[in-house]
PDB file of N, CA and C in Angstrom:
ATOM      1  N   MET A   1     101.718  88.614 124.673  1.00  0.00           N
ATOM      2  CA  MET A   1     100.614  87.682 124.799  1.00  0.00           C
ATOM      3  C   MET A   1     101.027  86.323 124.255  1.00  0.00           C
ATOM      4  N   ALA A   2     100.300  85.345 124.561  1.00  0.00           N
ATOM      5  CA  ALA A   2     100.604  83.982 124.145  1.00  0.00           C
ATOM      6  C   ALA A   2      99.986  83.681 122.783  1.00  0.00           C
ATOM      7  N   VAL A   3     100.139  84.595 121.847  1.00  0.00           N
ATOM      8  CA  VAL A   3      99.542  84.436 120.522  1.00  0.00           C
ATOM      9  C   VAL A   3     100.075  83.200 119.797  1.00  0.00           C
ATOM     10  N   PRO A   4     101.388  82.938 119.818  1.00  0.00           N
ATOM     11  CA  PRO A   4     101.859  81.733 119.121  1.00  0.00           C
ATOM     12  C   PRO A   4     101.243  80.446 119.663  1.00  0.00           C
ATOM     13  N   ILE A   5     100.982  80.418 120.955  1.00  0.00           N
ATOM     14  CA  ILE A   5     100.382  79.226 121.548  1.00  0.00           C
ATOM     15  C   ILE A   5      98.935  79.078 121.090  1.00  0.00           C
ATOM     16  N   LEU A   6      98.199  80.175 121.076  1.00  0.00           N
ATOM     17  CA  LEU A   6      96.790  80.119 120.695  1.00  0.00           C
ATOM     18  C   LEU A   6      96.584  79.911 119.201  1.00  0.00           C
ATOM     19  N   THR A   7      97.554  80.308 118.395  1.00  0.00           N
ATOM     20  CA  THR A   7      97.358  80.258 116.946  1.00  0.00           C
ATOM     21  C   THR A   7      98.127  79.134 116.261  1.00  0.00           C
ATOM     22  N   TYR A   8      98.728  78.243 117.011  1.00  0.00           N
ATOM     23  CA  TYR A   8      99.536  77.182 116.404  1.00  0.00           C
ATOM     24  C   TYR A   8      98.676  76.322 115.470  1.00  0.00           C
ATOM     25  N   GLY A   9      99.043  76.258 114.217  1.00  0.00           N
ATOM     26  CA  GLY A   9      98.327  75.453 113.232  1.00  0.00           C
ATOM     27  C   GLY A   9      97.005  76.040 112.794  1.00  0.00           C
ATOM     28  N   SER A  10      96.761  77.311 113.085  1.00  0.00           N
ATOM     29  CA  SER A  10      95.455  77.903 112.805  1.00  0.00           C
ATOM     30  C   SER A  10      95.188  78.092 111.318  1.00  0.00           C
ATOM     31  N   GLU A  11      96.206  77.967 110.495  1.00  0.00           N
ATOM     32  CA  GLU A  11      96.018  78.169 109.059  1.00  0.00           C
ATOM     33  C   GLU A  11      95.048  77.161 108.472  1.00  0.00           C
ATOM     34  N   VAL A  12      94.948  75.988 109.065  1.00  0.00           N
ATOM     35  CA  VAL A  12      94.130  74.934 108.489  1.00  0.00           C
ATOM     36  C   VAL A  12      92.929  74.571 109.364  1.00  0.00           C
ATOM     37  N   TRP A  13      92.631  75.351 110.372  1.00  0.00           N
ATOM     38  CA  TRP A  13      91.468  75.074 111.208  1.00  0.00           C
ATOM     39  C   TRP A  13      90.183  75.326 110.434  1.00  0.00           C
ATOM     40  N   VAL A  14      89.170  74.546 110.733  1.00  0.00           N
ATOM     41  CA  VAL A  14      87.826  74.825 110.257  1.00  0.00           C
ATOM     42  C   VAL A  14      87.104  75.448 111.442  1.00  0.00           C
ATOM     43  N   LEU A  15      86.940  76.762 111.410  1.00  0.00           N
ATOM     44  CA  LEU A  15      86.366  77.477 112.551  1.00  0.00           C
ATOM     45  C   LEU A  15      84.849  77.551 112.444  1.00  0.00           C
ATOM     46  N   ARG A  16      84.195  77.101 113.482  1.00  0.00           N
ATOM     47  CA  ARG A  16      82.758  77.275 113.606  1.00  0.00           C
ATOM     48  C   ARG A  16      82.512  78.479 114.502  1.00  0.00           C
ATOM     49  N   SER A  17      81.297  78.939 114.574  1.00  0.00           N
ATOM     50  CA  SER A  17      81.008  80.119 115.390  1.00  0.00           C
ATOM     51  C   SER A  17      81.276  79.845 116.870  1.00  0.00           C
ATOM     52  N   CYS A  18      81.029  78.622 117.334  1.00  0.00           N
ATOM     53  CA  CYS A  18      81.299  78.303 118.739  1.00  0.00           C
ATOM     54  C   CYS A  18      82.810  78.300 119.002  1.00  0.00           C
ATOM     55  N   ASP A  19      83.611  77.896 118.016  1.00  0.00           N
ATOM     56  CA  ASP A  19      85.064  77.951 118.174  1.00  0.00           C
ATOM     57  C   ASP A  19      85.550  79.395 118.255  1.00  0.00           C
ATOM     58  N   GLU A  20      84.962  80.250 117.416  1.00  0.00           N
ATOM     59  CA  GLU A  20      85.340  81.661 117.433  1.00  0.00           C
ATOM     60  C   GLU A  20      85.025  82.297 118.779  1.00  0.00           C
ATOM     61  N   SER A  21      83.881  81.969 119.341  1.00  0.00           N
ATOM     62  CA  SER A  21      83.530  82.562 120.639  1.00  0.00           C
ATOM     63  C   SER A  21      84.454  82.047 121.741  1.00  0.00           C
ATOM     64  N   ARG A  22      84.884  80.799 121.653  1.00  0.00           N
ATOM     65  CA  ARG A  22      85.816  80.265 122.653  1.00  0.00           C
ATOM     66  C   ARG A  22      87.186  80.917 122.533  1.00  0.00           C
ATOM     67  N   ILE A  23      87.621  81.212 121.317  1.00  0.00           N
ATOM     68  CA  ILE A  23      88.895  81.897 121.121  1.00  0.00           C
ATOM     69  C   ILE A  23      88.821  83.306 121.691  1.00  0.00           C
ATOM     70  N   GLN A  24      87.726  84.001 121.420  1.00  0.00           N
ATOM     71  CA  GLN A  24      87.552  85.346 121.978  1.00  0.00           C
ATOM     72  C   GLN A  24      87.538  85.310 123.501  1.00  0.00           C
ATOM     73  N   ALA A  25      86.876  84.314 124.072  1.00  0.00           N
ATOM     74  CA  ALA A  25      86.806  84.198 125.527  1.00  0.00           C
ATOM     75  C   ALA A  25      88.190  83.936 126.116  1.00  0.00           C
ATOM     76  N   ALA A  26      88.977  83.078 125.479  1.00  0.00           N
ATOM     77  CA  ALA A  26      90.327  82.791 125.974  1.00  0.00           C
ATOM     78  C   ALA A  26      91.205  84.036 125.892  1.00  0.00           C
ATOM     79  N   GLU A  27      91.064  84.781 124.800  1.00  0.00           N
ATOM     80  CA  GLU A  27      91.841  86.008 124.640  1.00  0.00           C
ATOM     81  C   GLU A  27      91.488  87.023 125.726  1.00  0.00           C
ATOM     82  N   MET A  28      90.209  87.212 125.972  1.00  0.00           N
ATOM     83  CA  MET A  28      89.796  88.187 126.989  1.00  0.00           C
ATOM     84  C   MET A  28      90.145  87.710 128.395  1.00  0.00           C
ATOM     85  N   ARG A  29      90.082  86.423 128.635  1.00  0.00           N
ATOM     86  CA  ARG A  29      90.483  85.896 129.940  1.00  0.00           C
ATOM     87  C   ARG A  29      91.947  86.220 130.209  1.00  0.00           C
ATOM     88  N   PHE A  30      92.789  86.051 129.185  1.00  0.00           N
ATOM     89  CA  PHE A  30      94.195  86.368 129.319  1.00  0.00           C
ATOM     90  C   PHE A  30      94.397  87.864 129.568  1.00  0.00           C
ATOM     91  N   LEU A  31      93.682  88.701 128.821  1.00  0.00           N
ATOM     92  CA  LEU A  31      93.831  90.147 128.984  1.00  0.00           C
ATOM     93  C   LEU A  31      93.368  90.604 130.360  1.00  0.00           C
ATOM     94  N   ARG A  32      92.323  89.985 130.881  1.00  0.00           N
ATOM     95  CA  ARG A  32      91.855  90.342 132.221  1.00  0.00           C
ATOM     96  C   ARG A  32      92.877  89.944 133.289  1.00  0.00           C
ATOM     97  N   VAL A  33      93.544  88.834 133.109  1.00  0.00           N
ATOM     98  CA  VAL A  33      94.582  88.423 134.058  1.00  0.00           C
ATOM     99  C   VAL A  33      95.746  89.410 134.013  1.00  0.00           C
ATOM    100  N   VAL A  34      96.136  89.824 132.814  1.00  0.00           N
ATOM    101  CA  VAL A  34      97.232  90.775 132.666  1.00  0.00           C
ATOM    102  C   VAL A  34      96.872  92.111 133.330  1.00  0.00           C
ATOM    103  N   LYS A  35      95.639  92.543 133.144  1.00  0.00           N
ATOM    104  CA  LYS A  35      95.196  93.818 133.718  1.00  0.00           C
ATOM    105  C   LYS A  35      94.846  93.696 135.200  1.00  0.00           C
ATOM    106  N   GLU A  36      94.804  92.479 135.695  1.00  0.00           N
ATOM    107  CA  GLU A  36      94.464  92.190 137.085  1.00  0.00           C
ATOM    108  C   GLU A  36      93.057  92.662 137.446  1.00  0.00           C
ATOM    109  N   CYS A  37      92.112  92.338 136.593  1.00  0.00           N
ATOM    110  CA  CYS A  37      90.712  92.602 136.893  1.00  0.00           C
ATOM    111  C   CYS A  37      89.927  91.320 136.646  1.00  0.00           C
ATOM    112  N   THR A  38      88.759  91.238 137.225  1.00  0.00           N
ATOM    113  CA  THR A  38      87.925  90.052 137.074  1.00  0.00           C
ATOM    114  C   THR A  38      86.610  90.446 136.435  1.00  0.00           C
ATOM    115  N   LEU A  39      85.782  89.451 136.161  1.00  0.00           N
ATOM    116  CA  LEU A  39      84.451  89.734 135.618  1.00  0.00           C
ATOM    117  C   LEU A  39      83.598  90.469 136.637  1.00  0.00           C
ATOM    118  N   ILE A  40      83.898  90.283 137.904  1.00  0.00           N
ATOM    119  CA  ILE A  40      83.134  90.956 138.970  1.00  0.00           C
ATOM    120  C   ILE A  40      83.319  92.471 138.902  1.00  0.00           C
ATOM    121  N   ASP A  41      84.474  92.915 138.393  1.00  0.00           N
ATOM    122  CA  ASP A  41      84.731  94.358 138.259  1.00  0.00           C
ATOM    123  C   ASP A  41      83.850  95.003 137.198  1.00  0.00           C
ATOM    124  N   ARG A  42      83.260  94.205 136.334  1.00  0.00           N
ATOM    125  CA  ARG A  42      82.316  94.667 135.303  1.00  0.00           C
ATOM    126  C   ARG A  42      82.927  95.721 134.380  1.00  0.00           C
ATOM    127  N   ILE A  43      84.107  95.430 133.891  1.00  0.00           N
ATOM    128  CA  ILE A  43      84.758  96.304 132.913  1.00  0.00           C
ATOM    129  C   ILE A  43      84.559  95.677 131.541  1.00  0.00           C
ATOM    130  N   ARG A  44      84.103  96.480 130.609  1.00  0.00           N
ATOM    131  CA  ARG A  44      83.823  95.967 129.265  1.00  0.00           C
ATOM    132  C   ARG A  44      85.103  95.584 128.543  1.00  0.00           C
ATOM    133  N   ASN A  45      84.970  94.608 127.634  1.00  0.00           N
ATOM    134  CA  ASN A  45      86.119  94.116 126.876  1.00  0.00           C
ATOM    135  C   ASN A  45      86.769  95.217 126.042  1.00  0.00           C
ATOM    136  N   GLU A  46      85.964  96.059 125.418  1.00  0.00           N
ATOM    137  CA  GLU A  46      86.493  97.131 124.573  1.00  0.00           C
ATOM    138  C   GLU A  46      87.340  98.095 125.393  1.00  0.00           C
ATOM    139  N   LYS A  47      86.904  98.368 126.619  1.00  0.00           N
ATOM    140  CA  LYS A  47      87.651  99.285 127.479  1.00  0.00           C
ATOM    141  C   LYS A  47      88.999  98.677 127.874  1.00  0.00           C
ATOM    142  N   ILE A  48      89.026  97.387 128.151  1.00  0.00           N
ATOM    143  CA  ILE A  48      90.280  96.708 128.484  1.00  0.00           C
ATOM    144  C   ILE A  48      91.233  96.770 127.305  1.00  0.00           C
ATOM    145  N   ARG A  49      90.724  96.540 126.110  1.00  0.00           N
ATOM    146  CA  ARG A  49      91.564  96.596 124.907  1.00  0.00           C
ATOM    147  C   ARG A  49      92.123  97.997 124.687  1.00  0.00           C
ATOM    148  N   ARG A  50      91.276  99.012 124.859  1.00  0.00           N
ATOM    149  CA  ARG A  50      91.728 100.397 124.682  1.00  0.00           C
ATOM    150  C   ARG A  50      92.813 100.751 125.693  1.00  0.00           C
ATOM    151  N   GLN A  51      92.628 100.363 126.943  1.00  0.00           N
ATOM    152  CA  GLN A  51      93.586 100.710 127.987  1.00  0.00           C
ATOM    153  C   GLN A  51      94.937 100.043 127.762  1.00  0.00           C
ATOM    154  N   GLN A  52      94.942  98.879 127.186  1.00  0.00           N
ATOM    155  CA  GLN A  52      96.197  98.176 126.972  1.00  0.00           C
ATOM    156  C   GLN A  52      96.796  98.438 125.595  1.00  0.00           C
ATOM    157  N   ARG A  53      96.124  99.243 124.774  1.00  0.00           N
ATOM    158  CA  ARG A  53      96.602  99.617 123.430  1.00  0.00           C
ATOM    159  C   ARG A  53      97.051  98.393 122.642  1.00  0.00           C
ATOM    160  N   LEU A  54      96.124  97.489 122.458  1.00  0.00           N
ATOM    161  CA  LEU A  54      96.460  96.208 121.840  1.00  0.00           C
ATOM    162  C   LEU A  54      96.312  96.232 120.335  1.00  0.00           C
ATOM    163  N   MET A  55      96.979  95.264 119.722  1.00  0.00           N
ATOM    164  CA  MET A  55      96.855  95.050 118.301  1.00  0.00           C
ATOM    165  C   MET A  55      95.453  94.510 118.005  1.00  0.00           C
ATOM    166  N   PRO A  56      95.125  94.274 116.744  1.00  0.00           N
ATOM    167  CA  PRO A  56      93.783  93.783 116.400  1.00  0.00           C
ATOM    168  C   PRO A  56      93.434  92.488 117.139  1.00  0.00           C
ATOM    169  N   LYS A  57      92.159  92.203 117.143  1.00  0.00           N
ATOM    170  CA  LYS A  57      91.684  91.008 117.829  1.00  0.00           C
ATOM    171  C   LYS A  57      92.311  89.759 117.241  1.00  0.00           C
ATOM    172  N   LEU A  58      92.364  88.736 118.051  1.00  0.00           N
ATOM    173  CA  LEU A  58      93.000  87.484 117.662  1.00  0.00           C
ATOM    174  C   LEU A  58      92.299  86.844 116.465  1.00  0.00           C
ATOM    175  N   LEU A  59      90.986  86.960 116.387  1.00  0.00           N
ATOM    176  CA  LEU A  59      90.270  86.360 115.251  1.00  0.00           C
ATOM    177  C   LEU A  59      90.673  87.015 113.934  1.00  0.00           C
ATOM    178  N   GLY A  60      90.920  88.313 113.957  1.00  0.00           N
ATOM    179  CA  GLY A  60      91.407  88.992 112.760  1.00  0.00           C
ATOM    180  C   GLY A  60      92.769  88.475 112.344  1.00  0.00           C
ATOM    181  N   THR A  61      93.617  88.214 113.333  1.00  0.00           N
ATOM    182  CA  THR A  61      94.937  87.659 113.067  1.00  0.00           C
ATOM    183  C   THR A  61      94.823  86.266 112.467  1.00  0.00           C
ATOM    184  N   LEU A  62      93.891  85.459 112.995  1.00  0.00           N
ATOM    185  CA  LEU A  62      93.696  84.110 112.461  1.00  0.00           C
ATOM    186  C   LEU A  62      93.237  84.161 111.010  1.00  0.00           C
ATOM    187  N   LYS A  63      92.332  85.066 110.692  1.00  0.00           N
ATOM    188  CA  LYS A  63      91.856  85.192 109.307  1.00  0.00           C
ATOM    189  C   LYS A  63      92.991  85.625 108.380  1.00  0.00           C
ATOM    190  N   GLU A  64      93.864  86.498 108.887  1.00  0.00           N
ATOM    191  CA  GLU A  64      95.012  86.924 108.086  1.00  0.00           C
ATOM    192  C   GLU A  64      95.956  85.750 107.828  1.00  0.00           C
ATOM    193  N   TYR A  65      96.205  84.924 108.851  1.00  0.00           N
ATOM    194  CA  TYR A  65      97.051  83.739 108.678  1.00  0.00           C
ATOM    195  C   TYR A  65      96.445  82.801 107.636  1.00  0.00           C
ATOM    196  N   ARG A  66      95.138  82.594 107.712  1.00  0.00           N
ATOM    197  CA  ARG A  66      94.474  81.695 106.769  1.00  0.00           C
ATOM    198  C   ARG A  66      94.544  82.239 105.351  1.00  0.00           C
ATOM    199  N   LYS A  67      94.398  83.548 105.195  1.00  0.00           N
ATOM    200  CA  LYS A  67      94.477  84.171 103.875  1.00  0.00           C
ATOM    201  C   LYS A  67      95.883  84.011 103.302  1.00  0.00           C
ATOM    202  N   ARG A  68      96.880  84.232 104.149  1.00  0.00           N
ATOM    203  CA  ARG A  68      98.266  84.083 103.702  1.00  0.00           C
ATOM    204  C   ARG A  68      98.550  82.643 103.280  1.00  0.00           C
ATOM    205  N   TRP A  69      98.027  81.677 104.043  1.00  0.00           N
ATOM    206  CA  TRP A  69      98.242  80.264 103.724  1.00  0.00           C
ATOM    207  C   TRP A  69      97.545  79.895 102.416  1.00  0.00           C
ATOM    208  N   SER A  70      96.329  80.397 102.207  1.00  0.00           N
ATOM    209  CA  SER A  70      95.628  80.076 100.961  1.00  0.00           C
ATOM    210  C   SER A  70      96.337  80.695  99.767  1.00  0.00           C
ATOM    211  N   ASP A  71      96.875  81.906  99.925  1.00  0.00           N
ATOM    212  CA  ASP A  71      97.648  82.510  98.840  1.00  0.00           C
ATOM    213  C   ASP A  71      98.883  81.673  98.532  1.00  0.00           C
ATOM    214  N   HIS A  72      99.516  81.168  99.569  1.00  0.00           N
ATOM    215  CA  HIS A  72     100.690  80.317  99.384  1.00  0.00           C
ATOM    216  C   HIS A  72     100.304  79.039  98.636  1.00  0.00           C
ATOM    217  N   LEU A  73      99.172  78.450  98.983  1.00  0.00           N
ATOM    218  CA  LEU A  73      98.720  77.235  98.312  1.00  0.00           C
ATOM    219  C   LEU A  73      98.376  77.491  96.849  1.00  0.00           C
ATOM    220  N   MET A  74      97.841  78.664  96.563  1.00  0.00           N
ATOM    221  CA  MET A  74      97.506  78.982  95.173  1.00  0.00           C
ATOM    222  C   MET A  74      98.765  79.109  94.316  1.00  0.00           C
ATOM    223  N   ARG A  75      99.855  79.580  94.907  1.00  0.00           N
ATOM    224  CA  ARG A  75     101.111  79.714  94.160  1.00  0.00           C
ATOM    225  C   ARG A  75     101.872  78.394  94.067  1.00  0.00           C
ATOM    226  N   MET A  76     101.533  77.452  94.924  1.00  0.00           N
ATOM    227  CA  MET A  76     102.264  76.184  95.016  1.00  0.00           C
ATOM    228  C   MET A  76     102.011  75.328  93.764  1.00  0.00           C
ATOM    229  N   PRO A  77     103.050  74.622  93.285  1.00  0.00           N
ATOM    230  CA  PRO A  77     102.861  73.732  92.127  1.00  0.00           C
ATOM    231  C   PRO A  77     101.846  72.625  92.440  1.00  0.00           C
ATOM    232  N   LEU A  78     101.137  72.185  91.427  1.00  0.00           N
ATOM    233  CA  LEU A  78     100.089  71.182  91.612  1.00  0.00           C
ATOM    234  C   LEU A  78     100.625  69.831  92.064  1.00  0.00           C
ATOM    235  N   ARG A  79     101.892  69.545  91.830  1.00  0.00           N
ATOM    236  CA  ARG A  79     102.440  68.243  92.203  1.00  0.00           C
ATOM    237  C   ARG A  79     102.732  68.139  93.699  1.00  0.00           C
ATOM    238  N   ARG A  80     102.757  69.252  94.426  1.00  0.00           N
ATOM    239  CA  ARG A  80     103.043  69.235  95.862  1.00  0.00           C
ATOM    240  C   ARG A  80     101.844  68.700  96.633  1.00  0.00           C
ATOM    241  N   LEU A  81     102.102  67.905  97.661  1.00  0.00           N
ATOM    242  CA  LEU A  81     101.049  67.244  98.428  1.00  0.00           C
ATOM    243  C   LEU A  81     100.083  68.231  99.108  1.00  0.00           C
ATOM    244  N   PRO A  82     100.547  69.294  99.776  1.00  0.00           N
ATOM    245  CA  PRO A  82      99.586  70.216 100.386  1.00  0.00           C
ATOM    246  C   PRO A  82      98.627  70.823  99.360  1.00  0.00           C
ATOM    247  N   SER A  83      99.149  71.107  98.188  1.00  0.00           N
ATOM    248  CA  SER A  83      98.310  71.656  97.125  1.00  0.00           C
ATOM    249  C   SER A  83      97.281  70.635  96.653  1.00  0.00           C
ATOM    250  N   GLN A  84      97.684  69.391  96.535  1.00  0.00           N
ATOM    251  CA  GLN A  84      96.760  68.345  96.111  1.00  0.00           C
ATOM    252  C   GLN A  84      95.661  68.116  97.155  1.00  0.00           C
ATOM    253  N   VAL A  85      96.039  68.131  98.422  1.00  0.00           N
ATOM    254  CA  VAL A  85      95.055  67.930  99.482  1.00  0.00           C
ATOM    255  C   VAL A  85      94.062  69.087  99.509  1.00  0.00           C
ATOM    256  N   TRP A  86      94.543  70.304  99.334  1.00  0.00           N
ATOM    257  CA  TRP A  86      93.677  71.479  99.375  1.00  0.00           C
ATOM    258  C   TRP A  86      92.698  71.500  98.204  1.00  0.00           C
ATOM    259  N   ARG A  87      93.136  71.006  97.056  1.00  0.00           N
ATOM    260  CA  ARG A  87      92.286  71.019  95.869  1.00  0.00           C
ATOM    261  C   ARG A  87      91.412  69.773  95.731  1.00  0.00           C
ATOM    262  N   TYR A  88      91.554  68.815  96.622  1.00  0.00           N
ATOM    263  CA  TYR A  88      90.834  67.546  96.534  1.00  0.00           C
ATOM    264  C   TYR A  88      89.324  67.755  96.657  1.00  0.00           C
ATOM    265  N   LYS A  89      88.578  67.128  95.794  1.00  0.00           N
ATOM    266  CA  LYS A  89      87.113  67.128  95.845  1.00  0.00           C
ATOM    267  C   LYS A  89      86.668  65.689  96.049  1.00  0.00           C
ATOM    268  N   SER A  90      86.010  65.423  97.151  1.00  0.00           N
ATOM    269  CA  SER A  90      85.594  64.049  97.431  1.00  0.00           C
ATOM    270  C   SER A  90      84.379  63.684  96.576  1.00  0.00           C
ATOM    271  N   ARG A  91      84.258  62.410  96.324  1.00  0.00           N
ATOM    272  CA  ARG A  91      83.112  61.908  95.583  1.00  0.00           C
ATOM    273  C   ARG A  91      82.247  61.135  96.556  1.00  0.00           C
ATOM    274  N   GLY A  92      80.986  61.077  96.264  1.00  0.00           N
ATOM    275  CA  GLY A  92      80.090  60.354  97.152  1.00  0.00           C
ATOM    276  C   GLY A  92      79.213  61.326  97.942  1.00  0.00           C
ATOM    277  N   ARG A  93      78.456  60.756  98.853  1.00  0.00           N
ATOM    278  CA  ARG A  93      77.509  61.559  99.608  1.00  0.00           C
ATOM    279  C   ARG A  93      77.840  61.494 101.093  1.00  0.00           C
ATOM    280  N   ARG A  94      77.461  62.536 101.790  1.00  0.00           N
ATOM    281  CA  ARG A  94      77.622  62.570 103.235  1.00  0.00           C
ATOM    282  C   ARG A  94      76.309  62.163 103.874  1.00  0.00           C
ATOM    283  N   LYS A  95      76.380  61.745 105.123  1.00  0.00           N
ATOM    284  CA  LYS A  95      75.167  61.382 105.837  1.00  0.00           C
ATOM    285  C   LYS A  95      74.302  62.613 106.062  1.00  0.00           C
ATOM    286  N   ILE A  96      73.035  62.391 106.251  1.00  0.00           N
ATOM    287  CA  ILE A  96      72.114  63.485 106.533  1.00  0.00           C
ATOM    288  C   ILE A  96      72.517  64.120 107.856  1.00  0.00           C
ATOM    289  N   ALA A  97      72.410  65.426 107.931  1.00  0.00           N
ATOM    290  CA  ALA A  97      72.733  66.226 109.115  1.00  0.00           C
ATOM    291  C   ALA A  97      74.230  66.251 109.418  1.00  0.00           C
ATOM    292  N   HIS A  98      75.058  65.902 108.438  1.00  0.00           N
ATOM    293  CA  HIS A  98      76.501  66.005 108.596  1.00  0.00           C
ATOM    294  C   HIS A  98      77.031  66.883 107.472  1.00  0.00           C
ATOM    295  N   PRO A  99      76.976  68.196 107.637  1.00  0.00           N
ATOM    296  CA  PRO A  99      77.402  69.062 106.541  1.00  0.00           C
ATOM    297  C   PRO A  99      78.907  68.981 106.302  1.00  0.00           C
ATOM    298  N   ARG A 100      79.280  69.312 105.099  1.00  0.00           N
ATOM    299  CA  ARG A 100      80.677  69.302 104.708  1.00  0.00           C
ATOM    300  C   ARG A 100      81.410  70.410 105.456  1.00  0.00           C
ATOM    301  N   LYS A 101      82.580  70.099 105.982  1.00  0.00           N
ATOM    302  CA  LYS A 101      83.391  71.112 106.643  1.00  0.00           C
ATOM    303  C   LYS A 101      84.269  71.750 105.590  1.00  0.00           C
ATOM    304  N   ARG A 102      84.172  73.038 105.477  1.00  0.00           N
ATOM    305  CA  ARG A 102      84.957  73.767 104.494  1.00  0.00           C
ATOM    306  C   ARG A 102      86.096  74.471 105.196  1.00  0.00           C
ATOM    307  N   TRP A 103      87.251  74.395 104.576  1.00  0.00           N
ATOM    308  CA  TRP A 103      88.411  75.028 105.165  1.00  0.00           C
ATOM    309  C   TRP A 103      88.268  76.535 105.110  1.00  0.00           C
ATOM    310  N   MET A 104      87.809  77.043 103.978  1.00  0.00           N
ATOM    311  CA  MET A 104      87.674  78.485 103.831  1.00  0.00           C
ATOM    312  C   MET A 104      86.416  78.757 103.019  1.00  0.00           C
ATOM    313  N   PRO A 105      85.248  78.819 103.656  1.00  0.00           N
ATOM    314  CA  PRO A 105      84.008  78.950 102.910  1.00  0.00           C
ATOM    315  C   PRO A 105      83.883  80.270 102.154  1.00  0.00           C
ATOM    316  N   GLU A 106      84.568  81.328 102.606  1.00  0.00           N
ATOM    317  CA  GLU A 106      84.421  82.617 101.941  1.00  0.00           C
ATOM    318  C   GLU A 106      85.218  82.689 100.646  1.00  0.00           C
ATOM    319  N   GLN A 107      86.054  81.693 100.399  1.00  0.00           N
ATOM    320  CA  GLN A 107      86.855  81.708  99.188  1.00  0.00           C
ATOM    321  C   GLN A 107      86.342  80.667  98.203  1.00  0.00           C
ATOM    322  N   ALA A 108      85.956  81.122  97.038  1.00  0.00           N
ATOM    323  CA  ALA A 108      85.526  80.188  95.997  1.00  0.00           C
ATOM    324  C   ALA A 108      86.758  79.721  95.236  1.00  0.00           C
ATOM    325  N   TYR A 109      86.844  78.439  95.019  1.00  0.00           N
ATOM    326  CA  TYR A 109      88.008  77.888  94.333  1.00  0.00           C
ATOM    327  C   TYR A 109      87.576  77.195  93.055  1.00  0.00           C
ATOM    328  N   GLU A 110      88.263  77.522  91.993  1.00  0.00           N
ATOM    329  CA  GLU A 110      88.048  76.861  90.720  1.00  0.00           C
ATOM    330  C   GLU A 110      89.342  76.166  90.346  1.00  0.00           C
ATOM    331  N   PRO A 111      89.362  74.836  90.272  1.00  0.00           N
ATOM    332  CA  PRO A 111      90.614  74.138  89.951  1.00  0.00           C
ATOM    333  C   PRO A 111      91.073  74.436  88.533  1.00  0.00           C
ATOM    334  N   ASN A 112      92.389  74.453  88.363  1.00  0.00           N
ATOM    335  CA  ASN A 112      92.970  74.648  87.033  1.00  0.00           C
ATOM    336  C   ASN A 112      92.881  73.357  86.238  1.00  0.00           C
ATOM    337  N   PRO A 113      92.529  73.422  84.951  1.00  0.00           N
ATOM    338  CA  PRO A 113      92.424  72.195  84.139  1.00  0.00           C
ATOM    339  C   PRO A 113      93.755  71.572  83.863  1.00  0.00           C
TER     340      PRO A 113
END
C-alpha cells in the first residue's frame, strides 16, 4: 500500500475529525481499487479488510507514529530546536471562535523547570 505517501510528516499533523474521516476514505478507496470492487458492489469495509488480511487501520498507524515522535521529543535535550518548539507556550489571547490547535490533545505536558 502507499502508506509512506499517505503518512509523510504525519508525526506533527493536527488531526481533526474531518481529517480522520478523509484519511479513512482514502485508505478504503485504495483498498477497493486493489480488490477491484466499487461502492456499487456494496461490500462492507470490514469485509474488504478481512479478505485482504491487512495490518491495522491507517489511523492507528498514525497515532503510533505520533506517540513515537512525542516520546522522542521528551528524551530530546531542551536546547534542541524541535524540543523548544514543542514545549513553547504562546502568550496572549486568540480570537473568538478560533480554538487553539493542539498537536496531541490526549497527552498532558508539564514542562521541566
